[in-house]
Protein backbone atom coordinates (compact mmCIF):
# COMPACT_ATOMS: atom_id res chain seq x y z
CA MET A 1 0.00 0.00 0.00
CA THR A 2 1.40 3.35 -1.03
CA PRO A 3 0.48 6.71 0.51
CA ALA A 4 -0.98 7.79 -2.84
CA ARG A 5 -3.27 4.75 -2.93
CA LEU A 6 -4.38 5.35 0.67
CA HIS A 7 -5.17 8.97 -0.21
CA ALA A 8 -7.24 7.75 -3.18
CA ILE A 9 -9.14 5.31 -0.92
CA LEU A 10 -9.81 8.02 1.69
CA ASP A 11 -10.98 10.46 -0.99
CA ALA A 12 -13.28 7.90 -2.60
CA TYR A 13 -14.66 5.96 0.39
CA GLY A 14 -14.17 8.27 3.39
CA ALA A 15 -12.48 7.69 6.75
CA ASP A 16 -14.53 4.67 7.92
CA PRO A 17 -12.49 1.49 7.24
CA ALA A 18 -15.72 -0.51 6.92
CA ARG A 19 -16.39 1.29 3.61
CA TRP A 20 -12.91 0.62 2.18
CA PRO A 21 -12.30 -2.22 -0.30
CA ALA A 22 -11.86 -5.42 1.70
CA ALA A 23 -8.81 -6.54 -0.29
CA GLU A 24 -6.90 -3.36 0.64
CA ARG A 25 -8.27 -2.68 4.13
CA ASP A 26 -5.54 -4.43 6.15
CA ALA A 27 -2.70 -2.84 4.19
CA ALA A 28 -4.31 0.60 4.53
CA LEU A 29 -4.71 0.19 8.30
CA ALA A 30 -1.07 -0.90 8.57
CA LEU A 31 0.04 2.20 6.67
CA LEU A 32 -2.09 4.38 8.97
CA ALA A 33 -0.39 2.82 11.99
CA ARG A 34 3.14 3.63 10.78
CA SER A 35 2.76 6.94 8.85
CA ALA A 36 2.01 10.34 10.41
CA GLU A 37 1.22 11.82 6.98
CA ALA A 38 -1.33 9.06 6.34
CA ARG A 39 -2.94 9.77 9.76
CA ARG A 40 -3.19 13.50 8.92
CA HIS A 41 -4.93 12.69 5.65
CA HIS A 42 -7.21 10.23 7.50
CA ASP A 43 -8.12 12.95 10.04
CA GLN A 44 -8.99 15.37 7.22
CA ALA A 45 -11.21 12.71 5.63
CA ALA A 46 -12.87 12.07 9.03
CA ARG A 47 -13.63 15.83 9.46
CA LEU A 48 -15.15 15.90 5.96
CA ASP A 49 -17.24 12.80 6.76
CA ALA A 50 -18.50 14.46 9.97
CA ALA A 51 -19.43 17.65 8.10
CA LEU A 52 -21.30 15.67 5.45
CA ASP A 53 -23.09 13.59 8.11
CA ALA A 54 -24.16 16.79 9.93
CA ALA A 55 -25.68 18.34 6.82
CA PRO A 56 -29.45 17.92 6.59
CA VAL A 57 -30.71 15.65 3.86
CA ASP A 58 -33.89 16.82 2.20
CA VAL A 59 -36.06 14.15 0.72
CA PRO A 60 -36.96 15.08 -2.84
CA SER A 61 -40.55 15.99 -3.41
CA PRO A 62 -42.74 13.72 -5.51
CA ALA A 63 -43.09 16.53 -8.08
CA LEU A 64 -39.30 16.67 -8.53
CA ALA A 65 -39.11 12.89 -8.87
CA GLY A 66 -41.89 13.00 -11.47
CA ARG A 67 -40.12 15.72 -13.51
CA ILE A 68 -36.89 13.74 -13.48
CA LEU A 69 -38.63 10.57 -14.61
CA ARG A 70 -40.47 12.38 -17.39
CA ALA A 71 -37.24 13.98 -18.66
CA ALA A 72 -35.36 10.67 -18.69
CA PRO A 73 -34.94 9.10 -22.15
CA ARG A 74 -37.31 6.30 -22.90
CA PRO A 75 -35.84 2.89 -23.74
CA GLY A 76 -37.94 2.63 -26.92
CA ALA A 77 -36.63 5.96 -28.22
CA LEU A 78 -33.05 4.79 -27.72
CA ARG A 79 -33.75 1.62 -29.66
CA LEU A 80 -35.23 3.63 -32.54
CA GLU A 81 -32.16 5.92 -32.64
CA ARG A 82 -29.85 2.90 -32.69
CA LEU A 83 -31.91 1.30 -35.44
CA VAL A 84 -31.67 4.45 -37.56
CA ALA A 85 -27.93 4.74 -36.89
CA ILE A 86 -27.39 1.16 -38.09
CA ALA A 87 -29.88 1.16 -40.96
CA THR A 88 -28.74 4.40 -42.64
CA PRO A 89 -25.26 3.24 -43.75
CA LEU A 90 -26.63 -0.18 -44.70
CA ALA A 91 -29.29 1.43 -46.88
CA ALA A 92 -26.69 3.66 -48.55
CA ALA A 93 -24.51 0.62 -49.29
CA ALA A 94 -27.49 -1.25 -50.73
CA VAL A 95 -28.35 1.68 -53.02
CA LEU A 96 -24.74 1.83 -54.23
CA VAL A 97 -24.69 -1.92 -54.98
CA LEU A 98 -27.98 -1.73 -56.87
CA TRP A 99 -26.80 1.27 -58.88
CA LEU A 100 -23.59 -0.53 -59.86
CA ALA A 101 -25.40 -3.75 -60.68
CA ARG A 102 -28.09 -2.10 -62.83
CA SER A 103 -25.85 0.27 -64.79
CA PRO A 104 -25.02 -1.07 -68.25
CA ALA A 105 -21.57 -2.47 -68.91
CA PRO A 106 -19.39 -0.23 -71.07
CA THR A 107 -19.22 -1.30 -74.69
CA PRO A 108 -15.74 -1.88 -76.06
CA LEU A 109 -14.51 0.57 -78.70
CA ALA A 110 -14.04 -0.61 -82.25
CA PRO A 111 -10.48 -0.42 -83.64
CA GLU A 112 -11.59 2.32 -86.04
CA ALA A 113 -12.86 4.43 -83.15
CA ILE A 114 -9.59 3.96 -81.28
CA ALA A 115 -7.58 5.01 -84.36
CA ALA A 116 -9.78 8.10 -84.73
CA LEU A 117 -8.86 9.24 -81.23
CA GLY A 118 -5.35 10.23 -82.30
CA SER A 119 -2.52 10.73 -79.85
CA LEU A 120 -3.05 11.68 -76.25
CA GLU A 121 -1.02 14.53 -74.88
CA MET A 122 -0.72 14.56 -71.12
CA PRO A 123 -0.05 17.68 -69.04
CA THR A 124 3.34 16.22 -68.08
CA ASP A 125 4.35 16.18 -71.75
CA THR A 126 4.26 19.96 -71.78
CA LEU A 127 6.51 20.04 -68.73
CA LEU A 128 9.17 18.12 -70.65
CA ARG A 129 9.27 20.54 -73.59
CA PRO A 130 11.80 23.40 -73.43
CA THR A 131 10.07 26.69 -72.77
CA GLY A 132 12.86 29.17 -73.39
CA PRO A 133 16.31 29.38 -74.94
CA ASP A 134 18.53 26.37 -74.50
CA LEU A 135 21.33 27.47 -72.17
CA VAL A 136 23.79 24.93 -73.53
CA ASP A 137 23.38 26.04 -77.15
CA THR A 138 23.24 29.78 -76.42
CA ALA A 139 26.24 31.79 -75.19
CA PRO A 140 25.65 34.50 -72.58
CA ALA A 141 25.11 37.86 -74.24
CA LEU A 142 26.67 40.19 -71.67
CA GLY A 143 30.30 40.31 -70.54
CA CYS A 144 31.51 37.11 -72.18
CA THR A 145 33.75 36.45 -75.08
CA ASP A 146 34.45 33.01 -76.42
CA GLY A 147 37.00 31.10 -74.37
CA ASP A 148 36.75 33.19 -71.17
CA LEU A 149 36.38 31.26 -67.92
CA GLY A 150 32.70 30.57 -67.37
CA CYS A 151 31.75 31.31 -70.99
CA LEU A 152 31.01 28.58 -73.47
CA ASP A 153 33.07 28.34 -76.65
CA LEU A 154 30.42 26.86 -78.91
CA ASP A 155 32.10 27.47 -82.26
CA SER A 156 35.42 25.79 -81.48
CA GLY A 157 34.39 22.28 -82.55
CA TRP A 158 36.74 20.71 -79.98
CA SER A 159 36.01 17.30 -78.63
CA ASP A 160 35.68 16.81 -74.91
CA ASP A 161 39.28 15.46 -74.63
CA SER A 162 40.81 18.45 -76.44
CA ALA A 163 38.83 20.86 -74.26
CA ARG A 164 40.07 19.05 -71.14
CA HIS A 165 43.73 19.21 -72.30
CA ASP A 166 43.33 22.90 -73.15
CA LEU A 167 41.89 23.58 -69.69
CA GLU A 168 44.75 21.69 -68.01
CA GLY A 169 47.27 23.72 -70.00
CA ARG A 170 45.68 27.00 -68.93
CA MET A 171 45.71 25.92 -65.32
CA ARG A 172 49.48 25.15 -65.44
CA ALA A 173 50.29 28.55 -66.94
């Protein structure tokens, strides 16, 4: 038995050990015997029990009891609500199945009709087309002359190996 569990028992059942759960009663009494903090919490629960016992208890009037009983949900109404809650999705599923089953099967297209369709162009095809000038085939217009570092020499006709050897020679110089 932990002090936290004893506090929970005192808060829920009060200070009278006869109201405590039987399986935990002996352990709770043993903790009360050895812990001053547990006894303080027990005394607080006993004062609360005494205050609650001293408070007058008014018996509810028959009119109040009648109003409460009239406002309570009727068992038949709950069953109807449950029935509607279950039947609505089932009915929707049945309508969907009937609609699918009764709709005519699509007729296959004749080869002539397929040929008449032509080619299909997808929106992604337009993304693959170049939209502006090709940067590899076009030299920069401002501040570059052929052969400068960072500028493309498109008219040289060199192969990749000759361009690499030329670059290595410039770097050594």
